[in-house]
Amino acid sequence: MDAVQSHNSADLPLVTLDNNAIVALRENEPDAPAVNELLAMNRDEQIVINITLSTALEAGPSGLRRDWQEHIAWFESLGITRSNIFTGPRTIGFINPSDPGVTIFDPWLESQFNMRLHQILFPNVPFSWYEFRDTQCGHAGLPLDAMAEYELAQDLLYIYIPPTPRHPQQPPTPHLDALTPEEQAKVRELYQELKSNWHNAKNDAIGLYNHLTVAAHTSHAEWSVFVSNDRNFRKATKLPKIRAMGFRGEILPPAEAVAFLRSVILDRDFALAPK
């Protein structure tokens, strides 16, 4: 039986590849064959593969981030549509239980949804970087003022403009300078460790959040799959809480995602076949 092709991508299962699935493909890891099957299904217009923006922010196995345009070109060479590469979250609606017939669109509710999802996935990592930094700095017994000064000096997004030509060309760090060399080294090491840990958690949570909001705009959100071999997403203590937030799709490792999607496609094609 020939597969029934859809002219509307929103009618197809949305399949978001987590960064670890992409790494598996690049590094030819054991999950690579299953990821290649998903890519083939995407090229055959049986599914729509999506790559969220969090993937662009993830560091590779070497700790370095790939060139943005090179990354995009590689995804396109795999048959992924440009509009589905490095996607951000989409606006979603909310239903008030006391008024079930009305859909509410509210950025504050979206923010709360995002925060709740992060809390479920990473209960020990605050949603806010500054809360995480300040708490961990206190636990390590290091002065927060020195940590904040070091961060400000390292932040590439921060542009320090001296108020007069006689001021130093770099922001001053008096609290950091007052520490011993050993203490300064501890500040630097802790900062790098905290940044890495917080960004890893944040990117994971944002990747799933973006997937959920995009899936909400498809015709069959229950067919959507977030493809990841990260067991943290599927823990018995977490997945039920994510479903309680309205998630109707699946979170599956690559091979299980292939099996699930082939079943969905078979059932769909059978239902649409002429009787």
Protein backbone atom coordinates (compact mmCIF):
# COMPACT_ATOMS: atom_id res chain seq x y z
CA MET A 1 0.00 0.00 0.00
CA ASP A 2 1.36 3.38 -0.97
CA ALA A 3 1.84 5.87 1.85
CA VAL A 4 -0.56 8.77 1.89
CA GLN A 5 1.43 11.98 1.59
CA SER A 6 0.34 15.09 3.46
CA HIS A 7 0.40 18.52 1.85
CA ASN A 8 0.38 20.17 5.25
CA SER A 9 3.41 19.58 7.47
CA ALA A 10 1.27 20.26 10.55
CA ASP A 11 -0.61 17.03 9.81
CA LEU A 12 2.58 14.96 10.17
CA PRO A 13 4.20 13.75 13.41
CA LEU A 14 6.59 16.36 14.79
CA VAL A 15 9.91 14.77 15.74
CA THR A 16 12.43 16.89 17.64
CA LEU A 17 15.98 15.58 17.87
CA ASP A 18 17.66 16.28 21.19
CA ASN A 19 21.33 17.25 20.98
CA ASN A 20 22.52 13.81 22.12
CA ALA A 21 20.77 12.22 19.13
CA ILE A 22 22.58 14.66 16.84
CA VAL A 23 25.92 13.93 18.51
CA ALA A 24 25.26 10.20 18.06
CA LEU A 25 24.81 10.79 14.34
CA ARG A 26 27.93 12.93 13.96
CA GLU A 27 30.10 10.58 16.01
CA ASN A 28 28.61 7.39 14.52
CA GLU A 29 27.57 6.14 17.94
CA PRO A 30 25.22 3.13 18.46
CA ASP A 31 22.10 5.33 18.10
CA ALA A 32 23.23 6.62 14.68
CA PRO A 33 21.38 3.98 12.55
CA ALA A 34 18.06 4.77 14.25
CA VAL A 35 18.61 8.52 13.80
CA ASN A 36 19.34 7.87 10.11
CA GLU A 37 16.03 6.01 9.87
CA LEU A 38 14.25 9.05 11.28
CA LEU A 39 16.01 11.26 8.74
CA ALA A 40 14.89 8.95 5.93
CA MET A 41 11.30 9.14 7.18
CA ASN A 42 11.62 12.92 7.17
CA ARG A 43 12.88 12.93 3.57
CA ASP A 44 9.95 10.68 2.61
CA GLU A 45 7.57 13.25 4.13
CA GLN A 46 6.28 10.79 6.70
CA ILE A 47 7.37 12.95 9.64
CA VAL A 48 8.72 16.45 10.22
CA ILE A 49 12.08 16.66 11.96
CA ASN A 50 12.65 19.70 14.13
CA ILE A 51 15.89 21.04 15.66
CA THR A 52 15.40 23.53 18.49
CA LEU A 53 17.49 26.60 19.17
CA SER A 54 18.97 24.99 22.29
CA THR A 55 20.98 22.71 19.98
CA ALA A 56 22.81 25.74 18.61
CA LEU A 57 23.75 26.67 22.17
CA GLU A 58 25.00 23.23 23.15
CA ALA A 59 28.73 22.58 23.20
CA GLY A 60 29.98 19.54 21.31
CA PRO A 61 31.94 16.62 22.81
CA SER A 62 35.12 18.71 22.57
CA GLY A 63 33.51 21.52 24.56
CA LEU A 64 33.38 23.82 21.52
CA ARG A 65 30.30 25.06 19.69
CA ARG A 66 30.10 24.55 15.95
CA ASP A 67 29.90 27.44 13.53
CA TRP A 68 26.24 28.45 13.22
CA GLN A 69 26.12 28.47 9.40
CA GLU A 70 28.11 25.24 9.11
CA HIS A 71 25.68 23.58 11.49
CA ILE A 72 22.68 24.78 9.48
CA ALA A 73 24.22 23.64 6.19
CA TRP A 74 24.85 20.17 7.63
CA PHE A 75 21.26 19.83 8.82
CA GLU A 76 19.98 20.95 5.43
CA SER A 77 22.20 18.35 3.73
CA LEU A 78 20.38 15.74 5.81
CA GLY A 79 17.06 16.86 4.35
CA ILE A 80 15.81 18.98 7.25
CA THR A 81 13.85 22.03 6.13
CA ARG A 82 15.51 25.34 6.96
CA SER A 83 12.42 26.63 8.79
CA ASN A 84 12.69 23.65 11.16
CA ILE A 85 16.31 24.29 12.11
CA PHE A 86 17.07 26.13 15.36
CA THR A 87 13.43 26.83 16.15
CA GLY A 88 12.35 28.80 19.17
CA PRO A 89 9.21 28.44 21.28
CA ARG A 90 5.80 29.26 19.84
CA THR A 91 2.93 31.04 21.52
CA ILE A 92 0.55 28.64 23.22
CA GLY A 93 -2.87 29.01 24.78
CA PHE A 94 -4.06 28.07 28.26
CA ILE A 95 -7.47 27.00 29.54
CA ASN A 96 -8.82 28.27 32.85
CA PRO A 97 -10.66 25.38 34.54
CA SER A 98 -13.34 27.79 35.72
CA ASP A 99 -13.99 28.92 32.13
CA PRO A 100 -13.25 25.92 29.88
CA GLY A 101 -14.61 27.50 26.74
CA VAL A 102 -12.05 30.31 26.67
CA THR A 103 -8.42 30.10 25.56
CA ILE A 104 -6.04 32.51 27.30
CA PHE A 105 -2.88 33.81 25.66
CA ASP A 106 -0.59 35.28 28.27
CA PRO A 107 3.25 35.62 28.22
CA TRP A 108 3.28 35.35 32.03
CA LEU A 109 1.56 31.97 31.88
CA GLU A 110 4.04 30.83 29.24
CA SER A 111 6.89 31.88 31.53
CA GLN A 112 5.33 29.97 34.43
CA PHE A 113 4.92 26.90 32.22
CA ASN A 114 8.59 27.14 31.21
CA MET A 115 9.69 27.51 34.83
CA ARG A 116 7.54 24.59 35.99
CA LEU A 117 8.98 22.32 33.30
CA HIS A 118 12.51 23.28 34.31
CA GLN A 119 11.65 22.61 37.97
CA ILE A 120 10.34 19.13 37.13
CA LEU A 121 13.42 18.19 35.13
CA PHE A 122 16.00 19.82 37.40
CA PRO A 123 14.61 20.33 40.90
CA ASN A 124 18.09 21.09 42.27
CA VAL A 125 19.03 23.64 39.60
CA PRO A 126 17.18 26.97 39.91
CA PHE A 127 15.59 28.45 36.79
CA SER A 128 17.57 31.67 37.39
CA TRP A 129 21.32 31.64 36.78
CA TYR A 130 21.91 34.27 39.46
CA GLU A 131 20.01 32.28 42.09
CA PHE A 132 22.03 29.18 41.19
CA ARG A 133 25.33 31.09 41.17
CA ASP A 134 24.71 32.85 44.46
CA THR A 135 23.57 29.70 46.27
CA GLN A 136 26.46 27.55 45.06
CA CYS A 137 28.99 30.29 45.75
CA GLY A 138 27.74 30.45 49.33
CA HIS A 139 27.95 26.67 49.71
CA ALA A 140 31.56 26.80 48.52
CA GLY A 141 32.41 29.51 51.06
CA LEU A 142 33.60 31.94 48.40
CA PRO A 143 32.80 35.68 48.41
CA LEU A 144 29.94 36.48 46.06
CA ASP A 145 31.31 39.95 45.27
CA ALA A 146 34.49 38.40 43.89
CA MET A 147 32.50 35.87 41.84
CA ALA A 148 30.28 38.61 40.40
CA GLU A 149 33.33 40.70 39.45
CA TYR A 150 34.98 37.75 37.74
CA GLU A 151 31.80 36.96 35.82
CA LEU A 152 31.44 40.53 34.66
CA ALA A 153 35.03 40.57 33.40
CA GLN A 154 34.49 37.27 31.53
CA ASP A 155 31.12 37.98 30.01
CA LEU A 156 31.67 38.58 26.31
CA LEU A 157 28.25 40.18 26.00
CA TYR A 158 29.19 42.90 28.45
CA ILE A 159 30.76 46.01 26.91
CA TYR A 160 32.70 48.08 29.41
CA ILE A 161 32.89 51.73 28.42
CA PRO A 162 35.25 53.74 30.66
CA PRO A 163 33.60 57.02 31.70
CA THR A 164 36.82 58.95 30.97
CA PRO A 165 40.05 58.14 29.11
CA ARG A 166 41.88 57.98 32.46
CA HIS A 167 39.73 55.10 33.73
CA PRO A 168 40.99 51.52 33.27
CA GLN A 169 40.09 49.81 30.02
CA GLN A 170 38.72 46.78 31.93
CA PRO A 171 36.14 46.85 34.72
CA PRO A 172 37.86 46.92 38.11
CA THR A 173 37.78 43.79 40.31
CA PRO A 174 38.77 45.00 43.81
CA HIS A 175 37.09 42.12 45.68
CA LEU A 176 38.65 39.50 43.43
CA ASP A 177 42.05 41.19 43.62
CA ALA A 178 41.91 41.12 47.41
CA LEU A 179 41.85 37.31 47.44
CA THR A 180 44.95 35.13 47.55
CA PRO A 181 46.04 33.49 44.27
CA GLU A 182 44.65 30.18 45.54
CA GLU A 183 41.27 31.73 46.35
CA GLN A 184 41.15 33.45 42.97
CA ALA A 185 41.81 30.11 41.29
CA LYS A 186 38.91 28.58 43.24
CA VAL A 187 36.61 31.40 42.09
CA ARG A 188 37.58 30.85 38.45
CA GLU A 189 37.20 27.08 38.65
CA LEU A 190 33.85 27.24 40.41
CA TYR A 191 32.51 29.81 37.96
CA GLN A 192 33.35 27.62 34.96
CA GLU A 193 31.85 24.55 36.64
CA LEU A 194 28.65 26.34 37.60
CA LYS A 195 28.23 27.89 34.16
CA SER A 196 28.63 24.51 32.48
CA ASN A 197 26.20 22.74 34.83
CA TRP A 198 23.55 25.45 34.65
CA HIS A 199 23.73 25.81 30.86
CA ASN A 200 23.45 22.04 30.40
CA ALA A 201 20.30 21.94 32.51
CA LYS A 202 18.85 25.07 30.93
CA ASN A 203 19.42 23.86 27.37
CA ASP A 204 17.81 20.50 28.12
CA ALA A 205 14.75 22.12 29.65
CA ILE A 206 14.41 24.74 26.92
CA GLY A 207 14.79 22.09 24.22
CA LEU A 208 11.81 20.15 25.58
CA TYR A 209 9.82 23.35 26.22
CA ASN A 210 10.33 24.49 22.63
CA HIS A 211 9.29 21.06 21.36
CA LEU A 212 6.09 21.09 23.43
CA THR A 213 5.06 24.54 22.20
CA VAL A 214 5.72 23.67 18.54
CA ALA A 215 3.91 20.32 18.91
CA ALA A 216 0.87 22.20 20.25
CA HIS A 217 0.50 23.78 16.78
CA THR A 218 0.31 20.43 14.96
CA SER A 219 -2.87 18.55 14.12
CA HIS A 220 -1.88 15.55 16.23
CA ALA A 221 0.22 16.52 19.23
CA GLU A 222 -0.17 12.94 20.48
CA TRP A 223 2.04 11.81 17.57
CA SER A 224 4.88 14.16 18.47
CA VAL A 225 8.14 12.69 19.73
CA PHE A 226 11.05 14.27 21.57
CA VAL A 227 13.94 11.98 20.65
CA SER A 228 16.53 11.66 23.39
CA ASN A 229 18.55 8.94 25.08
CA ASP A 230 18.76 11.09 28.23
CA ARG A 231 16.96 9.05 30.88
CA ASN A 232 16.33 12.15 32.98
CA PHE A 233 13.41 13.04 30.70
CA ARG A 234 11.73 9.67 31.20
CA LYS A 235 12.17 9.07 34.92
CA ALA A 236 9.10 7.69 36.68
CA THR A 237 9.14 10.72 38.98
CA LYS A 238 9.14 13.20 36.09
CA LEU A 239 7.23 12.03 33.01
CA PRO A 240 3.84 11.85 34.82
CA LYS A 241 4.33 15.43 36.01
CA ILE A 242 5.14 16.55 32.46
CA ARG A 243 2.02 14.80 31.19
CA ALA A 244 -0.02 16.52 33.90
CA MET A 245 0.96 19.80 32.24
CA GLY A 246 -0.83 18.72 29.05
CA PHE A 247 1.94 16.89 27.17
CA ARG A 248 0.30 14.27 24.91
CA GLY A 249 3.30 13.11 22.89
CA GLU A 250 6.22 10.82 23.64
CA ILE A 251 9.81 11.12 24.88
CA LEU A 252 11.75 8.20 23.42
CA PRO A 253 15.30 7.11 22.57
CA PRO A 254 15.99 6.86 18.80
CA ALA A 255 15.21 3.17 18.21
CA GLU A 256 11.96 3.32 20.21
CA ALA A 257 11.01 6.52 18.40
CA VAL A 258 11.38 4.74 15.04
CA ALA A 259 9.14 1.87 16.18
CA PHE A 260 6.50 4.24 17.60
CA LEU A 261 6.42 6.41 14.48
CA ARG A 262 6.22 3.46 12.10
CA SER A 263 3.20 2.26 14.07
CA VAL A 264 1.61 5.72 13.91
CA ILE A 265 2.21 5.99 10.16
CA LEU A 266 0.84 2.48 9.54
CA ASP A 267 -2.32 3.16 11.55
CA ARG A 268 -2.79 6.56 9.88
CA ASP A 269 -2.35 5.21 6.35
CA PHE A 270 -4.75 2.34 7.07
CA ALA A 271 -7.36 4.78 8.34
CA LEU A 272 -6.99 7.02 5.27
CA ALA A 273 -6.92 4.20 2.71
CA PRO A 274 -9.96 3.92 0.38
CA LYS A 275 -12.46 1.39 1.67
